[in-house]
Amino acid sequence: MELSLQQIVEGLPKTLLNASDRDLEGFQKIIDETIKLREGHRNLQKMIKNFNTSTIQRS
């Protein structure tokens, strides 16, 4: 399930909205790594799909 930006913002707790710059920097790092992880997961799914397709074609 993919969330819209508005849904994400609406789900932010008030503590995050009032967070310090240091806390926000930490949160930004988490977001950045989450994006990398999601992109990696998508790439892995594509690789597996391509591998399965090529394996079936060779059989």
C-alpha atoms as a PDB file:
ATOM      1  CA  MET A   1       0.000   0.000   0.000  1.00  0.00           C
ATOM      2  CA  GLU A   2       1.416   3.365  -1.028  1.00  0.00           C
ATOM      3  CA  LEU A   3       0.531   6.431   0.997  1.00  0.00           C
ATOM      4  CA  SER A   4       0.035   9.890  -0.434  1.00  0.00           C
ATOM      5  CA  LEU A   5       2.115  12.752   0.929  1.00  0.00           C
ATOM      6  CA  GLN A   6      -1.021  14.199   2.531  1.00  0.00           C
ATOM      7  CA  GLN A   7      -1.749  10.916   4.334  1.00  0.00           C
ATOM      8  CA  ILE A   8       1.807  10.815   5.640  1.00  0.00           C
ATOM      9  CA  VAL A   9       1.644  14.413   6.881  1.00  0.00           C
ATOM     10  CA  GLU A  10      -1.741  13.852   8.524  1.00  0.00           C
ATOM     11  CA  GLY A  11      -0.264  10.854  10.334  1.00  0.00           C
ATOM     12  CA  LEU A  12       2.676  12.776  11.797  1.00  0.00           C
ATOM     13  CA  PRO A  13       2.493  13.055  15.562  1.00  0.00           C
ATOM     14  CA  LYS A  14       2.594  16.527  17.115  1.00  0.00           C
ATOM     15  CA  THR A  15       5.899  15.607  18.786  1.00  0.00           C
ATOM     16  CA  LEU A  16       7.496  15.324  15.364  1.00  0.00           C
ATOM     17  CA  LEU A  17       6.105  18.671  14.272  1.00  0.00           C
ATOM     18  CA  ASN A  18       7.652  20.259  17.365  1.00  0.00           C
ATOM     19  CA  ALA A  19      10.928  18.328  17.118  1.00  0.00           C
ATOM     20  CA  SER A  20      14.356  19.939  17.323  1.00  0.00           C
ATOM     21  CA  ASP A  21      16.598  20.348  14.279  1.00  0.00           C
ATOM     22  CA  ARG A  22      18.735  17.457  15.519  1.00  0.00           C
ATOM     23  CA  ASP A  23      15.705  15.202  15.849  1.00  0.00           C
ATOM     24  CA  LEU A  24      14.556  16.170  12.366  1.00  0.00           C
ATOM     25  CA  GLU A  25      17.994  15.404  10.933  1.00  0.00           C
ATOM     26  CA  GLY A  26      17.779  11.943  12.459  1.00  0.00           C
ATOM     27  CA  PHE A  27      14.288  11.488  11.081  1.00  0.00           C
ATOM     28  CA  GLN A  28      15.513  12.605   7.642  1.00  0.00           C
ATOM     29  CA  LYS A  29      18.220   9.932   7.731  1.00  0.00           C
ATOM     30  CA  ILE A  30      15.592   7.322   8.521  1.00  0.00           C
ATOM     31  CA  ILE A  31      13.465   8.517   5.602  1.00  0.00           C
ATOM     32  CA  ASP A  32      16.472   8.479   3.250  1.00  0.00           C
ATOM     33  CA  GLU A  33      17.384   4.923   4.238  1.00  0.00           C
ATOM     34  CA  THR A  34      13.752   3.839   3.937  1.00  0.00           C
ATOM     35  CA  ILE A  35      13.650   5.172   0.385  1.00  0.00           C
ATOM     36  CA  LYS A  36      16.881   3.326  -0.461  1.00  0.00           C
ATOM     37  CA  LEU A  37      15.476   0.146   1.050  1.00  0.00           C
ATOM     38  CA  ARG A  38      12.239   0.454  -0.900  1.00  0.00           C
ATOM     39  CA  GLU A  39      14.105   1.077  -4.158  1.00  0.00           C
ATOM     40  CA  GLY A  40      16.358  -1.889  -3.421  1.00  0.00           C
ATOM     41  CA  HIS A  41      13.325  -4.077  -2.768  1.00  0.00           C
ATOM     42  CA  ARG A  42      11.768  -3.035  -6.080  1.00  0.00           C
ATOM     43  CA  ASN A  43      15.028  -3.726  -7.906  1.00  0.00           C
ATOM     44  CA  LEU A  44      15.289  -7.129  -6.242  1.00  0.00           C
ATOM     45  CA  GLN A  45      11.725  -7.982  -7.285  1.00  0.00           C
ATOM     46  CA  LYS A  46      12.557  -7.037 -10.896  1.00  0.00           C
ATOM     47  CA  MET A  47      15.738  -9.124 -10.823  1.00  0.00           C
ATOM     48  CA  ILE A  48      13.860 -12.147  -9.475  1.00  0.00           C
ATOM     49  CA  LYS A  49      11.121 -11.733 -12.074  1.00  0.00           C
ATOM     50  CA  ASN A  50      13.691 -11.455 -14.872  1.00  0.00           C
ATOM     51  CA  PHE A  51      15.608 -14.449 -13.538  1.00  0.00           C
ATOM     52  CA  ASN A  52      12.461 -16.555 -13.347  1.00  0.00           C
ATOM     53  CA  THR A  53      11.460 -15.516 -16.860  1.00  0.00           C
ATOM     54  CA  SER A  54      14.891 -16.345 -18.289  1.00  0.00           C
ATOM     55  CA  THR A  55      15.006 -19.666 -16.407  1.00  0.00           C
ATOM     56  CA  ILE A  56      11.598 -20.674 -17.783  1.00  0.00           C
ATOM     57  CA  GLN A  57      12.644 -19.732 -21.331  1.00  0.00           C
ATOM     58  CA  ARG A  58      15.792 -21.903 -21.060  1.00  0.00           C
ATOM     59  CA  SER A  59      13.789 -24.947 -19.911  1.00  0.00           C
END
